[in-house]
Amino acid sequence: MRQFVFALTLGVMATSVAAQDEDGLSLMERGIRDFFSGLMEEVDPALEDIQDLLSEIEPSLRSFSDEMGPALRGLMDDIQDWSVYHPPEVLPNGDIILRKKTPEERLAPEEHSGGIDI
C-alpha cells in the first residue's frame, strides 16, 4: 500500500512538471520530468497487477465483512485495552482464544523476539 501511495504521489508530481511550458523548463526540470515519466512506466505494470488482485479478492473481503463485521464490532466494544491480552491463539480444533495476561505479565517488560535493539 505504501508503494501505491508513493507511486501515486510521483505520478502527480510528474504530471505537474509535464504540464509546464517546454520552453520554460530548465535542464533540472526536464531531468525531473523524464525521471518521473520513466518511473511511472516502471510502476504502471505493478499498479495494474495490484488492481487485478484487488478485483479478485473483493468478493471474499465483502463476504467476510458482511459475516464477521458485527461480531468484530462487538468484540471491539467489549475489549477496551488490548494490551492486557496475549496475541490470539488458534487451537487444533480451529477455535480462536484470547488469553488475558496475569498482573505479573502486565508489569514485566515484553521479551524481544530476536529483533535488534536500537
Protein backbone atom coordinates (compact mmCIF):
# COMPACT_ATOMS: atom_id res chain seq x y z
CA MET A 1 0.00 0.00 0.00
CA ARG A 2 2.90 2.32 0.79
CA GLN A 3 4.30 1.69 -2.67
CA PHE A 4 0.96 2.58 -4.24
CA VAL A 5 0.78 5.89 -2.37
CA PHE A 6 4.40 6.64 -3.30
CA ALA A 7 3.72 5.86 -6.97
CA LEU A 8 0.59 7.98 -6.96
CA THR A 9 2.49 10.91 -5.43
CA LEU A 10 5.22 10.54 -8.02
CA GLY A 11 2.64 10.45 -10.77
CA VAL A 12 1.03 13.67 -9.59
CA MET A 13 4.41 15.35 -9.39
CA ALA A 14 5.36 14.12 -12.88
CA THR A 15 2.06 15.34 -14.30
CA SER A 16 2.50 18.79 -12.78
CA VAL A 17 6.05 19.01 -14.11
CA ALA A 18 4.98 17.80 -17.57
CA ALA A 19 2.17 20.37 -17.69
CA GLN A 20 4.62 23.27 -17.72
CA ASP A 21 5.71 25.03 -20.87
CA GLU A 22 8.52 23.14 -22.69
CA ASP A 23 10.45 26.32 -23.47
CA GLY A 24 10.39 27.46 -19.86
CA LEU A 25 11.90 24.29 -18.37
CA SER A 26 15.44 24.24 -17.10
CA LEU A 27 17.66 21.21 -17.57
CA MET A 28 16.93 20.21 -13.96
CA GLU A 29 13.17 20.41 -14.54
CA ARG A 30 13.42 18.39 -17.75
CA GLY A 31 15.53 15.79 -15.95
CA ILE A 32 12.99 15.53 -13.15
CA ARG A 33 10.16 15.20 -15.68
CA ASP A 34 11.99 12.47 -17.57
CA PHE A 35 12.90 10.66 -14.36
CA PHE A 36 9.29 10.60 -13.15
CA SER A 37 7.99 9.60 -16.57
CA GLY A 38 10.38 6.64 -16.61
CA LEU A 39 9.49 5.75 -13.06
CA MET A 40 5.77 5.77 -13.88
CA GLU A 41 6.42 3.45 -16.83
CA GLU A 42 8.16 1.04 -14.45
CA VAL A 43 5.47 1.26 -11.75
CA ASP A 44 2.46 1.03 -14.08
CA PRO A 45 2.55 -2.78 -14.52
CA ALA A 46 2.74 -3.26 -10.75
CA LEU A 47 -0.25 -0.97 -10.25
CA GLU A 48 -2.21 -2.96 -12.83
CA ASP A 49 -1.32 -6.21 -11.02
CA ILE A 50 -2.50 -4.73 -7.72
CA GLN A 51 -5.75 -3.62 -9.31
CA ASP A 52 -6.31 -7.13 -10.74
CA LEU A 53 -5.58 -8.71 -7.35
CA LEU A 54 -7.99 -6.37 -5.58
CA SER A 55 -10.69 -7.18 -8.15
CA GLU A 56 -10.20 -10.90 -7.47
CA ILE A 57 -10.34 -10.71 -3.68
CA GLU A 58 -13.06 -8.05 -3.38
CA PRO A 59 -15.97 -10.54 -3.22
CA SER A 60 -14.25 -12.55 -0.48
CA LEU A 61 -13.46 -9.43 1.55
CA ARG A 62 -17.01 -8.16 1.15
CA SER A 63 -18.41 -11.52 2.30
CA PHE A 64 -16.03 -11.59 5.29
CA SER A 65 -17.04 -8.07 6.24
CA ASP A 66 -20.76 -8.86 5.99
CA GLU A 67 -20.47 -12.03 8.06
CA MET A 68 -17.82 -11.08 10.63
CA GLY A 69 -18.27 -7.31 10.86
CA PRO A 70 -20.96 -7.29 13.57
CA ALA A 71 -19.07 -9.84 15.70
CA LEU A 72 -15.80 -7.92 15.40
CA ARG A 73 -17.52 -4.65 16.30
CA GLY A 74 -18.97 -6.33 19.40
CA LEU A 75 -15.55 -7.65 20.35
CA MET A 76 -14.00 -4.20 19.92
CA ASP A 77 -16.70 -2.72 22.19
CA ASP A 78 -16.12 -5.40 24.85
CA ILE A 79 -12.31 -5.14 24.91
CA GLN A 80 -11.18 -1.64 25.78
CA ASP A 81 -7.46 -2.30 26.40
CA TRP A 82 -5.82 -4.84 24.08
CA SER A 83 -2.50 -4.62 25.94
CA VAL A 84 -3.85 -6.79 28.77
CA TYR A 85 -4.27 -9.76 26.38
CA HIS A 86 -1.82 -12.16 24.78
CA PRO A 87 -1.92 -12.47 20.97
CA PRO A 88 -4.79 -14.65 19.72
CA GLU A 89 -4.13 -18.40 19.64
CA VAL A 90 -5.67 -20.89 17.23
CA LEU A 91 -6.38 -24.22 18.88
CA PRO A 92 -6.08 -27.55 16.99
CA ASN A 93 -9.89 -27.70 16.68
CA GLY A 94 -9.94 -24.26 14.98
CA ASP A 95 -11.16 -22.24 17.95
CA ILE A 96 -9.50 -18.87 18.48
CA ILE A 97 -8.88 -17.77 22.05
CA LEU A 98 -7.64 -14.58 23.68
CA ARG A 99 -5.79 -15.21 26.93
CA LYS A 100 -5.71 -12.40 29.45
CA LYS A 101 -2.29 -11.58 30.90
CA THR A 102 -1.71 -12.09 34.59
CA PRO A 103 -0.90 -8.99 36.66
CA GLU A 104 2.76 -10.10 36.75
CA GLU A 105 2.86 -10.43 32.95
CA ARG A 106 1.40 -6.95 32.55
CA LEU A 107 4.18 -5.46 34.71
CA ALA A 108 7.06 -7.46 33.16
CA PRO A 109 8.73 -5.98 30.08
CA GLU A 110 7.98 -7.93 26.91
CA GLU A 111 10.64 -10.31 25.68
CA HIS A 112 12.29 -9.41 22.41
CA SER A 113 11.68 -11.79 19.54
CA GLY A 114 15.25 -11.66 18.31
CA GLY A 115 14.94 -8.11 16.94
CA ILE A 116 17.65 -5.52 17.00
CA ASP A 117 17.76 -3.11 19.92
CA ILE A 118 18.20 0.48 18.86
